[in-house]
Amino acid sequence: MNEKDKRRAPRNKHDSVIEIFNVEGKVAATGRLVDFSTAGASFTVGDPVVMPEKFRARLRFLDKGVIEVEARVVRTIREKNATHYGIKFDSLKTVHPTGERKDPWQ
């Protein structure tokens, strides 16, 4: 990390899917994951999404399984064709749909 980067953990670039859930537990929005770390992530969506203060999300990795997180938005940047969100994790849990145990941070 450089001197201006104040992140608590190094980010890994990733082009994957993030699903945002509403309070009823249904998928309210999907986005493209840009990067992630053990502390947070960033993603983009085509149309702006009204994000609650705290929310649940699922990050899907083809080679690492699925990670469920509770998070909150710490940054929103609106661009011409997309909105970029930065989120901080309050908790995370690795889900292994096939029963395999893999470390998603390697």
C-alpha atoms as a PDB file:
ATOM      1  CA  MET A   1       0.000   0.000   0.000  1.00  0.00           C
ATOM      2  CA  ASN A   2       1.191   3.519  -0.654  1.00  0.00           C
ATOM      3  CA  GLU A   3       1.302   6.344   1.908  1.00  0.00           C
ATOM      4  CA  LYS A   4      -2.027   7.843   0.789  1.00  0.00           C
ATOM      5  CA  ASP A   5      -3.864   4.514   0.931  1.00  0.00           C
ATOM      6  CA  LYS A   6      -5.529   4.340   4.358  1.00  0.00           C
ATOM      7  CA  ARG A   7      -7.043   0.879   3.951  1.00  0.00           C
ATOM      8  CA  ARG A   8      -6.616  -1.527   6.846  1.00  0.00           C
ATOM      9  CA  ALA A   9      -6.046  -4.526   4.582  1.00  0.00           C
ATOM     10  CA  PRO A  10      -4.628  -4.941   1.062  1.00  0.00           C
ATOM     11  CA  ARG A  11      -7.234  -5.252  -1.697  1.00  0.00           C
ATOM     12  CA  ASN A  12      -7.397  -8.055  -4.245  1.00  0.00           C
ATOM     13  CA  LYS A  13      -8.789  -7.097  -7.643  1.00  0.00           C
ATOM     14  CA  HIS A  14     -11.622  -9.317  -8.732  1.00  0.00           C
ATOM     15  CA  ASP A  15     -14.268  -9.354 -11.441  1.00  0.00           C
ATOM     16  CA  SER A  16     -17.104 -11.288  -9.865  1.00  0.00           C
ATOM     17  CA  VAL A  17     -20.690 -10.846  -8.652  1.00  0.00           C
ATOM     18  CA  ILE A  18     -22.058  -9.257  -5.490  1.00  0.00           C
ATOM     19  CA  GLU A  19     -25.701  -9.671  -4.475  1.00  0.00           C
ATOM     20  CA  ILE A  20     -27.303  -7.125  -2.125  1.00  0.00           C
ATOM     21  CA  PHE A  21     -30.233  -8.361  -0.013  1.00  0.00           C
ATOM     22  CA  ASN A  22     -33.203  -6.364   1.271  1.00  0.00           C
ATOM     23  CA  VAL A  23     -34.617  -6.730   4.788  1.00  0.00           C
ATOM     24  CA  GLU A  24     -36.907  -9.565   3.625  1.00  0.00           C
ATOM     25  CA  GLY A  25     -33.851 -11.552   2.515  1.00  0.00           C
ATOM     26  CA  LYS A  26     -34.518 -11.219  -1.213  1.00  0.00           C
ATOM     27  CA  VAL A  27     -31.936 -10.050  -3.743  1.00  0.00           C
ATOM     28  CA  ALA A  28     -32.538  -6.299  -4.163  1.00  0.00           C
ATOM     29  CA  ALA A  29     -29.607  -5.583  -6.491  1.00  0.00           C
ATOM     30  CA  THR A  30     -26.612  -7.181  -8.127  1.00  0.00           C
ATOM     31  CA  GLY A  31     -23.324  -5.565  -9.005  1.00  0.00           C
ATOM     32  CA  ARG A  32     -19.860  -6.214 -10.359  1.00  0.00           C
ATOM     33  CA  LEU A  33     -17.279  -6.706  -7.652  1.00  0.00           C
ATOM     34  CA  VAL A  34     -14.173  -4.617  -8.368  1.00  0.00           C
ATOM     35  CA  ASP A  35     -11.959  -5.536  -5.425  1.00  0.00           C
ATOM     36  CA  PHE A  36     -12.158  -6.958  -1.912  1.00  0.00           C
ATOM     37  CA  SER A  37     -10.169  -7.552   1.271  1.00  0.00           C
ATOM     38  CA  THR A  38     -10.840  -8.932   4.729  1.00  0.00           C
ATOM     39  CA  ALA A  39     -12.049  -5.435   5.751  1.00  0.00           C
ATOM     40  CA  GLY A  40     -14.260  -4.407   2.831  1.00  0.00           C
ATOM     41  CA  ALA A  41     -14.937  -4.303  -0.893  1.00  0.00           C
ATOM     42  CA  SER A  42     -15.913  -2.083  -3.776  1.00  0.00           C
ATOM     43  CA  PHE A  43     -18.417  -2.763  -6.535  1.00  0.00           C
ATOM     44  CA  THR A  44     -20.319  -1.033  -9.325  1.00  0.00           C
ATOM     45  CA  VAL A  45     -23.943  -1.115 -10.413  1.00  0.00           C
ATOM     46  CA  GLY A  46     -25.490   0.266 -13.595  1.00  0.00           C
ATOM     47  CA  ASP A  47     -28.349   2.129 -11.919  1.00  0.00           C
ATOM     48  CA  PRO A  48     -27.926   3.742  -8.479  1.00  0.00           C
ATOM     49  CA  VAL A  49     -29.262   1.634  -5.611  1.00  0.00           C
ATOM     50  CA  VAL A  50     -30.716   3.096  -2.426  1.00  0.00           C
ATOM     51  CA  MET A  51     -28.540   1.376   0.143  1.00  0.00           C
ATOM     52  CA  PRO A  52     -29.674   1.006   3.767  1.00  0.00           C
ATOM     53  CA  GLU A  53     -27.302   1.941   6.582  1.00  0.00           C
ATOM     54  CA  LYS A  54     -26.483  -1.736   7.158  1.00  0.00           C
ATOM     55  CA  PHE A  55     -27.192  -4.594   4.775  1.00  0.00           C
ATOM     56  CA  ARG A  56     -26.415  -8.213   3.925  1.00  0.00           C
ATOM     57  CA  ALA A  57     -24.612  -9.224   0.759  1.00  0.00           C
ATOM     58  CA  ARG A  58     -23.173 -12.303  -0.892  1.00  0.00           C
ATOM     59  CA  LEU A  59     -19.892 -12.315  -2.843  1.00  0.00           C
ATOM     60  CA  ARG A  60     -19.588 -15.141  -5.360  1.00  0.00           C
ATOM     61  CA  PHE A  61     -16.183 -16.466  -6.397  1.00  0.00           C
ATOM     62  CA  LEU A  62     -15.984 -19.333  -8.900  1.00  0.00           C
ATOM     63  CA  ASP A  63     -12.744 -20.674  -7.440  1.00  0.00           C
ATOM     64  CA  LYS A  64     -13.254 -19.747  -3.764  1.00  0.00           C
ATOM     65  CA  GLY A  65     -16.922 -20.325  -3.038  1.00  0.00           C
ATOM     66  CA  VAL A  66     -19.407 -17.859  -1.581  1.00  0.00           C
ATOM     67  CA  ILE A  67     -18.849 -15.327   1.192  1.00  0.00           C
ATOM     68  CA  GLU A  68     -21.790 -13.816   3.066  1.00  0.00           C
ATOM     69  CA  VAL A  69     -21.200 -10.429   4.697  1.00  0.00           C
ATOM     70  CA  GLU A  70     -22.930  -7.822   6.796  1.00  0.00           C
ATOM     71  CA  ALA A  71     -21.693  -4.435   5.658  1.00  0.00           C
ATOM     72  CA  ARG A  72     -22.272  -0.701   5.378  1.00  0.00           C
ATOM     73  CA  VAL A  73     -21.547   1.821   2.650  1.00  0.00           C
ATOM     74  CA  VAL A  74     -18.588   4.112   3.328  1.00  0.00           C
ATOM     75  CA  ARG A  75     -18.251   5.698  -0.121  1.00  0.00           C
ATOM     76  CA  THR A  76     -20.475   6.366  -3.136  1.00  0.00           C
ATOM     77  CA  ILE A  77     -19.172   7.780  -6.419  1.00  0.00           C
ATOM     78  CA  ARG A  78     -21.603   8.417  -9.261  1.00  0.00           C
ATOM     79  CA  GLU A  79     -20.167   8.194 -12.740  1.00  0.00           C
ATOM     80  CA  LYS A  80     -21.768   8.652 -16.149  1.00  0.00           C
ATOM     81  CA  ASN A  81     -22.901   5.032 -16.661  1.00  0.00           C
ATOM     82  CA  ALA A  82     -22.439   3.457 -13.229  1.00  0.00           C
ATOM     83  CA  THR A  83     -22.347   4.042  -9.500  1.00  0.00           C
ATOM     84  CA  HIS A  84     -19.310   2.862  -7.538  1.00  0.00           C
ATOM     85  CA  TYR A  85     -19.774   1.825  -3.881  1.00  0.00           C
ATOM     86  CA  GLY A  86     -17.146   1.186  -1.219  1.00  0.00           C
ATOM     87  CA  ILE A  87     -18.305  -0.960   1.688  1.00  0.00           C
ATOM     88  CA  LYS A  88     -16.879  -1.934   5.063  1.00  0.00           C
ATOM     89  CA  PHE A  89     -17.582  -5.402   6.451  1.00  0.00           C
ATOM     90  CA  ASP A  90     -19.076  -5.702   9.930  1.00  0.00           C
ATOM     91  CA  SER A  91     -18.947  -9.504   9.712  1.00  0.00           C
ATOM     92  CA  LEU A  92     -18.254 -12.173   7.131  1.00  0.00           C
ATOM     93  CA  LYS A  93     -18.835 -15.893   6.806  1.00  0.00           C
ATOM     94  CA  THR A  94     -17.474 -18.239   4.172  1.00  0.00           C
ATOM     95  CA  VAL A  95     -20.106 -20.559   2.701  1.00  0.00           C
ATOM     96  CA  HIS A  96     -18.910 -23.758   1.044  1.00  0.00           C
ATOM     97  CA  PRO A  97     -21.722 -24.955  -1.226  1.00  0.00           C
ATOM     98  CA  THR A  98     -19.855 -28.103  -2.265  1.00  0.00           C
ATOM     99  CA  GLY A  99     -18.482 -28.874   1.198  1.00  0.00           C
ATOM    100  CA  GLU A 100     -14.941 -27.894   0.229  1.00  0.00           C
ATOM    101  CA  ARG A 101     -13.006 -25.764   2.653  1.00  0.00           C
ATOM    102  CA  LYS A 102     -10.958 -23.095   0.926  1.00  0.00           C
ATOM    103  CA  ASP A 103      -9.460 -19.888   2.295  1.00  0.00           C
ATOM    104  CA  PRO A 104     -10.995 -17.062   0.203  1.00  0.00           C
ATOM    105  CA  TRP A 105      -8.181 -14.654   1.088  1.00  0.00           C
ATOM    106  CA  GLN A 106      -5.379 -16.583  -0.608  1.00  0.00           C
END
